[in-house]
Amino acid sequence: MKVLVILCISVLTLASCVPSKKYKDLLAREQTCSEELAKYKSSALTNEALAKDIQGQYTTLKSEADKLRSDTTNLGQRARVMRAKYDQLAAINEELETNYTRLRLGSASETAGLTTELATKKLELQRREDELVALEKDLADKQKLLDERQKRVSELEEMFSRQEAAVRELKNKVAAALIGFENKGLTIVEKNGKIYVSLEAKLLFPSGSTVVDPEGQKALIELAKVLQTEKELEIIVEGHTDTDALNKATHPKNNWELSVLRATAVVEIMLAKSTMSPKQLMAAGRSEYMPVDPANKAKNRRIEIIISPDLNELYKLISK
């Protein structure tokens, strides 16, 4: 009888240890997700500020180039008018010199008058010539500055164009890889230079679960195969829930935990089934607070994978 009692006590003790270990594991995962969410928020704010800075500097450069182009046009018109006046004065001066030579042997009063007029015209001619030289120098300086600014604007426009083309090409690759899932709760959208891959929860998880089912794993693996060759991307995996509250004693206890743990589960599969770098991926939970359709709970229960291009090359160009 004693042996039976001792055996029962041992079994009960071992049974109580298992939930405790699982609870600690869940707490550790939740802590990891919280840290990743903090890094995501910091990175997202940095990238948003960087994108606004780049767009602002691009707008300023383009505005300056337009103003320089207008100034250059005005200076060119002034230079042409000044050149015409200069040529006119030169012709008058030449005529006066001819007349002076012809009348040099004439009366003293006529000669004096012509000499005075000739001297006045020469001074005016010299003044106009100096103005023309200064104007042409100013025009040359403005043209040089305009050429430099226009070159910067062209470089930025070319880089923006390359980036947009790269995002479109990547979107097409992602769409081709996931074509078999497009009518199963998957959508792909390009917005603000980023690609948003949205997978409804029904494609990935059983109700209330954080374990991805086999069909959902197939979609994630195909996506990871496309993204593993793109080393300059930042990829954020966001978990979203509906507004139905969880009433469970075990984890996940609420929608925050459910959204974070689902995002983490997706990241783990993508890393395990590809050569993607963990540095490219972040897991975040949004709970119920970013619904796409408040009237459709099924659409709000989703995983969003946000694929962002690297802005460092653009930032380096702006900073030169």
Protein backbone atom coordinates (compact mmCIF):
# COMPACT_ATOMS: atom_id res chain seq x y z
CA MET A 1 0.00 0.00 0.00
CA LYS A 2 2.85 2.41 0.86
CA VAL A 3 4.47 1.75 -2.49
CA LEU A 4 1.22 2.59 -4.30
CA VAL A 5 0.85 5.93 -2.44
CA ILE A 6 4.45 6.91 -3.21
CA LEU A 7 3.95 6.02 -6.88
CA CYS A 8 0.81 8.21 -7.11
CA ILE A 9 2.57 11.15 -5.50
CA SER A 10 5.45 10.83 -8.00
CA VAL A 11 3.09 10.79 -10.97
CA LEU A 12 1.24 13.88 -9.75
CA THR A 13 4.54 15.72 -9.22
CA LEU A 14 5.73 14.98 -12.77
CA ALA A 15 2.38 16.04 -14.22
CA SER A 16 2.54 19.43 -12.51
CA CYS A 17 6.05 20.12 -13.96
CA VAL A 18 4.99 19.91 -17.60
CA PRO A 19 2.55 22.89 -17.63
CA SER A 20 5.06 24.92 -15.67
CA LYS A 21 7.79 24.33 -18.31
CA LYS A 22 5.40 25.13 -21.16
CA TYR A 23 4.33 28.31 -19.37
CA LYS A 24 7.99 29.41 -18.99
CA ASP A 25 8.62 28.68 -22.69
CA LEU A 26 5.62 30.76 -23.66
CA LEU A 27 6.77 33.62 -21.44
CA ALA A 28 10.22 33.47 -23.06
CA ARG A 29 8.70 33.55 -26.54
CA GLU A 30 6.46 36.45 -25.55
CA GLN A 31 9.51 38.36 -24.23
CA THR A 32 11.38 37.68 -27.50
CA CYS A 33 8.41 38.90 -29.52
CA SER A 34 8.15 42.05 -27.39
CA GLU A 35 11.82 42.80 -28.02
CA GLU A 36 11.41 42.17 -31.75
CA LEU A 37 8.34 44.44 -31.77
CA ALA A 38 10.35 47.22 -30.12
CA LYS A 39 13.08 46.81 -32.75
CA TYR A 40 10.42 46.82 -35.48
CA LYS A 41 8.86 50.03 -34.19
CA SER A 42 12.29 51.71 -34.03
CA SER A 43 13.23 50.46 -37.51
CA ALA A 44 9.85 51.46 -38.94
CA LEU A 45 10.14 54.98 -37.52
CA THR A 46 13.71 55.28 -38.86
CA ASN A 47 12.69 54.10 -42.33
CA GLU A 48 9.64 56.40 -42.42
CA ALA A 49 11.81 59.38 -41.38
CA LEU A 50 14.44 58.38 -43.93
CA ALA A 51 11.87 58.09 -46.72
CA LYS A 52 10.39 61.51 -45.83
CA ASP A 53 13.88 63.04 -45.69
CA ILE A 54 14.78 61.62 -49.10
CA GLN A 55 11.48 62.77 -50.64
CA GLY A 56 11.87 66.23 -49.09
CA GLN A 57 15.42 66.66 -50.34
CA TYR A 58 14.42 65.40 -53.79
CA THR A 59 11.58 67.97 -53.92
CA THR A 60 13.95 70.75 -52.80
CA LEU A 61 16.58 69.82 -55.41
CA LYS A 62 13.98 69.70 -58.17
CA SER A 63 12.57 73.09 -57.09
CA GLU A 64 16.07 74.62 -57.06
CA ALA A 65 16.81 73.17 -60.49
CA ASP A 66 13.56 74.63 -61.88
CA LYS A 67 14.43 78.05 -60.42
CA LEU A 68 17.96 77.90 -61.82
CA ARG A 69 16.55 76.94 -65.21
CA SER A 70 14.23 79.98 -65.07
CA ASP A 71 17.10 82.26 -63.97
CA THR A 72 19.30 80.91 -66.76
CA THR A 73 16.60 81.61 -69.33
CA ASN A 74 16.19 85.18 -68.06
CA LEU A 75 19.94 85.75 -68.02
CA GLY A 76 20.19 84.45 -71.57
CA GLN A 77 17.52 86.88 -72.72
CA ARG A 78 19.26 89.77 -70.95
CA ALA A 79 22.58 88.75 -72.50
CA ARG A 80 21.06 88.74 -75.98
CA VAL A 81 19.55 92.21 -75.44
CA MET A 82 22.86 93.50 -74.06
CA ARG A 83 24.75 92.04 -77.01
CA ALA A 84 22.37 93.78 -79.44
CA LYS A 85 22.86 97.13 -77.67
CA TYR A 86 26.60 96.61 -77.63
CA ASP A 87 26.65 95.90 -81.36
CA GLN A 88 24.53 98.98 -81.94
CA LEU A 89 26.92 101.15 -79.91
CA ALA A 90 29.90 99.66 -81.70
CA ALA A 91 28.34 100.57 -85.03
CA ILE A 92 27.68 104.13 -83.83
CA ASN A 93 31.23 104.38 -82.54
CA GLU A 94 32.60 103.22 -85.85
CA GLU A 95 30.47 105.76 -87.68
CA LEU A 96 31.63 108.53 -85.35
CA GLU A 97 35.26 107.63 -85.86
CA THR A 98 34.73 107.70 -89.62
CA ASN A 99 33.06 111.09 -89.37
CA TYR A 100 35.79 112.34 -87.05
CA THR A 101 38.47 111.36 -89.54
CA ARG A 102 36.53 113.00 -92.35
CA LEU A 103 35.94 116.20 -90.46
CA ARG A 104 39.27 116.33 -88.65
CA LEU A 105 40.42 118.96 -91.11
CA GLY A 106 37.15 120.85 -90.74
CA SER A 107 36.31 123.67 -88.38
CA ALA A 108 37.63 123.63 -84.82
CA SER A 109 34.15 123.80 -83.26
CA GLU A 110 32.85 120.84 -85.26
CA THR A 111 35.97 118.89 -84.45
CA ALA A 112 35.62 119.62 -80.72
CA GLY A 113 31.96 118.59 -80.73
CA LEU A 114 32.68 115.37 -82.51
CA THR A 115 35.59 114.63 -80.15
CA THR A 116 33.38 115.12 -77.09
CA GLU A 117 30.59 112.99 -78.55
CA LEU A 118 33.08 110.29 -79.52
CA ALA A 119 34.59 110.23 -76.01
CA THR A 120 31.10 109.97 -74.45
CA LYS A 121 30.12 107.12 -76.76
CA LYS A 122 33.37 105.30 -76.02
CA LEU A 123 32.71 105.52 -72.27
CA GLU A 124 29.16 104.26 -72.76
CA LEU A 125 30.44 101.49 -74.99
CA GLN A 126 33.01 100.45 -72.36
CA ARG A 127 30.38 100.47 -69.62
CA ARG A 128 28.07 98.31 -71.70
CA GLU A 129 30.92 95.95 -72.53
CA ASP A 130 31.76 95.55 -68.83
CA GLU A 131 28.12 94.83 -68.04
CA LEU A 132 27.97 92.29 -70.83
CA VAL A 133 31.12 90.49 -69.59
CA ALA A 134 29.72 90.38 -66.02
CA LEU A 135 26.36 89.15 -67.28
CA GLU A 136 27.95 86.41 -69.38
CA LYS A 137 30.05 85.29 -66.40
CA ASP A 138 26.95 85.16 -64.20
CA LEU A 139 25.14 83.23 -66.90
CA ALA A 140 28.01 80.72 -67.15
CA ASP A 141 28.05 80.24 -63.34
CA LYS A 142 24.30 79.73 -63.22
CA GLN A 143 24.46 77.27 -66.11
CA LYS A 144 27.17 75.27 -64.33
CA LEU A 145 25.13 75.17 -61.12
CA LEU A 146 22.03 74.21 -63.09
CA ASP A 147 23.92 71.36 -64.77
CA GLU A 148 25.10 70.06 -61.37
CA ARG A 149 21.62 70.23 -59.85
CA GLN A 150 20.04 68.68 -62.90
CA LYS A 151 22.53 65.83 -62.69
CA ARG A 152 21.57 65.19 -59.05
CA VAL A 153 17.87 65.31 -59.90
CA SER A 154 18.41 62.90 -62.81
CA GLU A 155 20.34 60.50 -60.56
CA LEU A 156 17.55 60.55 -57.99
CA GLU A 157 14.86 60.05 -60.62
CA GLU A 158 16.82 57.16 -62.12
CA MET A 159 17.26 55.57 -58.69
CA PHE A 160 13.56 56.01 -57.86
CA SER A 161 12.72 54.43 -61.22
CA ARG A 162 15.07 51.48 -60.60
CA GLN A 163 13.63 50.96 -57.14
CA GLU A 164 10.04 51.04 -58.41
CA ALA A 165 10.93 48.58 -61.18
CA ALA A 166 12.61 46.26 -58.66
CA VAL A 167 9.55 46.36 -56.37
CA ARG A 168 7.23 45.59 -59.30
CA GLU A 169 9.44 42.71 -60.41
CA LEU A 170 9.56 41.27 -56.88
CA LYS A 171 5.78 41.59 -56.57
CA ASN A 172 5.37 39.64 -59.81
CA LYS A 173 7.73 36.92 -58.52
CA VAL A 174 5.80 36.67 -55.25
CA ALA A 175 2.47 36.55 -57.10
CA ALA A 176 3.77 33.80 -59.41
CA ALA A 177 5.05 31.74 -56.45
CA LEU A 178 1.73 32.01 -54.59
CA ILE A 179 -0.63 31.72 -57.58
CA GLY A 180 -2.10 28.50 -56.20
CA PHE A 181 -3.28 30.24 -53.04
CA GLU A 182 -4.85 33.41 -54.49
CA ASN A 183 -8.44 32.19 -54.01
CA LYS A 184 -7.79 30.83 -50.54
CA GLY A 185 -7.53 34.07 -48.57
CA LEU A 186 -4.30 35.50 -49.98
CA THR A 187 -3.83 38.99 -51.44
CA ILE A 188 -0.72 40.84 -52.69
CA VAL A 189 -0.67 44.64 -52.87
CA GLU A 190 2.03 47.18 -53.75
CA LYS A 191 1.67 50.40 -51.74
CA ASN A 192 4.04 53.26 -50.88
CA GLY A 193 7.02 51.41 -52.36
CA LYS A 194 6.36 48.29 -50.25
CA ILE A 195 4.77 44.90 -50.95
CA TYR A 196 2.03 43.70 -48.61
CA VAL A 197 1.33 39.95 -48.63
CA SER A 198 -1.81 39.31 -46.60
CA LEU A 199 -2.81 35.75 -45.63
CA GLU A 200 -6.11 35.19 -43.86
CA ALA A 201 -5.84 33.13 -40.69
CA LYS A 202 -7.99 30.35 -42.18
CA LEU A 203 -5.18 29.65 -44.67
CA LEU A 204 -2.57 29.25 -41.91
CA PHE A 205 -4.03 28.39 -38.51
CA PRO A 206 -6.82 26.36 -36.95
CA SER A 207 -9.11 28.50 -34.80
CA GLY A 208 -7.29 29.91 -31.76
CA SER A 209 -4.12 27.99 -32.59
CA THR A 210 -0.55 29.23 -33.07
CA VAL A 211 0.52 26.15 -35.07
CA VAL A 212 0.59 26.61 -38.85
CA ASP A 213 -1.25 23.83 -40.68
CA PRO A 214 0.38 21.96 -43.63
CA GLU A 215 -1.44 23.95 -46.35
CA GLY A 216 -0.35 27.24 -44.79
CA GLN A 217 3.23 25.97 -44.49
CA LYS A 218 3.31 25.36 -48.25
CA ALA A 219 2.43 29.00 -48.95
CA LEU A 220 5.04 30.29 -46.50
CA ILE A 221 7.75 28.02 -47.92
CA GLU A 222 7.05 29.16 -51.50
CA LEU A 223 7.21 32.79 -50.37
CA ALA A 224 10.46 32.20 -48.46
CA LYS A 225 12.07 30.63 -51.55
CA VAL A 226 11.43 33.84 -53.50
CA LEU A 227 12.62 36.16 -50.74
CA GLN A 228 15.78 34.24 -49.83
CA THR A 229 17.57 35.60 -52.93
CA GLU A 230 16.75 39.21 -52.01
CA LYS A 231 19.39 40.09 -49.42
CA GLU A 232 18.67 43.84 -49.25
CA LEU A 233 15.07 43.63 -48.06
CA GLU A 234 13.54 44.23 -44.65
CA ILE A 235 10.62 41.89 -43.95
CA ILE A 236 8.12 42.46 -41.16
CA VAL A 237 5.63 39.73 -40.20
CA GLU A 238 2.58 41.16 -38.40
CA GLY A 239 -0.08 39.10 -36.64
CA HIS A 240 -3.66 40.47 -36.55
CA THR A 241 -6.76 39.16 -34.74
CA ASP A 242 -10.46 40.00 -34.63
CA THR A 243 -12.19 41.65 -31.66
CA ASP A 244 -13.42 38.40 -30.07
CA ALA A 245 -11.82 38.19 -26.65
CA LEU A 246 -9.97 35.02 -25.61
CA ASN A 247 -11.08 33.45 -22.35
CA LYS A 248 -8.44 30.84 -21.71
CA ALA A 249 -6.46 29.94 -18.64
CA THR A 250 -3.55 28.75 -20.81
CA HIS A 251 -1.50 30.63 -23.36
CA PRO A 252 -2.32 32.48 -25.49
CA LYS A 253 -4.51 34.23 -22.94
CA ASN A 254 -5.46 37.27 -25.04
CA ASN A 255 -5.39 38.63 -28.58
CA TRP A 256 -2.03 40.34 -28.08
CA GLU A 257 -0.35 37.04 -27.25
CA LEU A 258 -2.19 35.26 -30.07
CA SER A 259 -1.09 37.81 -32.70
CA VAL A 260 2.54 37.82 -31.52
CA LEU A 261 2.84 34.05 -31.27
CA ARG A 262 1.30 33.55 -34.71
CA ALA A 263 3.72 36.05 -36.25
CA THR A 264 6.62 34.26 -34.53
CA ALA A 265 5.41 30.89 -35.82
CA VAL A 266 5.40 32.23 -39.40
CA VAL A 267 8.92 33.65 -39.03
CA GLU A 268 10.21 30.35 -37.66
CA ILE A 269 8.86 28.41 -40.65
CA MET A 270 10.25 30.87 -43.20
CA LEU A 271 13.70 30.72 -41.60
CA ALA A 272 13.66 26.94 -41.20
CA LYS A 273 12.69 26.29 -44.82
CA SER A 274 14.97 28.80 -46.59
CA THR A 275 18.39 30.47 -46.45
CA MET A 276 16.93 33.82 -45.37
CA SER A 277 18.93 35.80 -42.85
CA PRO A 278 17.27 36.26 -39.43
CA LYS A 279 18.51 39.88 -39.57
CA GLN A 280 16.01 40.57 -42.36
CA LEU A 281 12.96 39.40 -40.42
CA MET A 282 10.96 40.87 -37.57
CA ALA A 283 7.87 39.47 -35.86
CA ALA A 284 5.21 41.80 -34.46
CA GLY A 285 1.71 41.52 -33.01
CA ARG A 286 -1.03 44.06 -33.77
CA SER A 287 -3.84 42.29 -31.89
CA GLU A 288 -7.28 43.58 -32.99
CA TYR A 289 -6.31 47.23 -33.45
CA MET A 290 -5.61 47.45 -37.20
CA PRO A 291 -8.66 45.87 -38.89
CA VAL A 292 -8.92 45.98 -42.68
CA ASP A 293 -12.73 45.67 -42.52
CA PRO A 294 -14.44 46.26 -39.16
CA ALA A 295 -17.53 44.46 -40.49
CA ASN A 296 -15.65 41.30 -41.58
CA LYS A 297 -13.92 39.48 -38.75
CA ALA A 298 -12.54 36.78 -41.05
CA LYS A 299 -10.52 39.33 -43.03
CA ASN A 300 -9.17 40.90 -39.86
CA ARG A 301 -7.80 37.55 -38.63
CA ARG A 302 -4.69 37.53 -40.77
CA ILE A 303 -0.92 37.56 -41.12
CA GLU A 304 0.59 40.46 -43.06
CA ILE A 305 4.10 40.15 -44.47
CA ILE A 306 5.44 43.61 -45.31
CA ILE A 307 8.41 43.64 -47.69
CA SER A 308 10.39 46.91 -47.76
CA PRO A 309 13.31 47.88 -50.03
CA ASP A 310 16.63 49.10 -48.65
CA LEU A 311 16.80 52.93 -48.70
CA ASN A 312 20.49 53.22 -47.80
CA GLU A 313 21.65 53.74 -51.40
CA LEU A 314 19.22 56.62 -51.85
CA TYR A 315 20.24 58.13 -48.53
CA LYS A 316 23.93 57.99 -49.48
CA LEU A 317 23.19 59.80 -52.75
CA ILE A 318 21.24 62.51 -50.92
CA SER A 319 24.00 62.93 -48.33
CA LYS A 320 26.76 63.62 -50.87
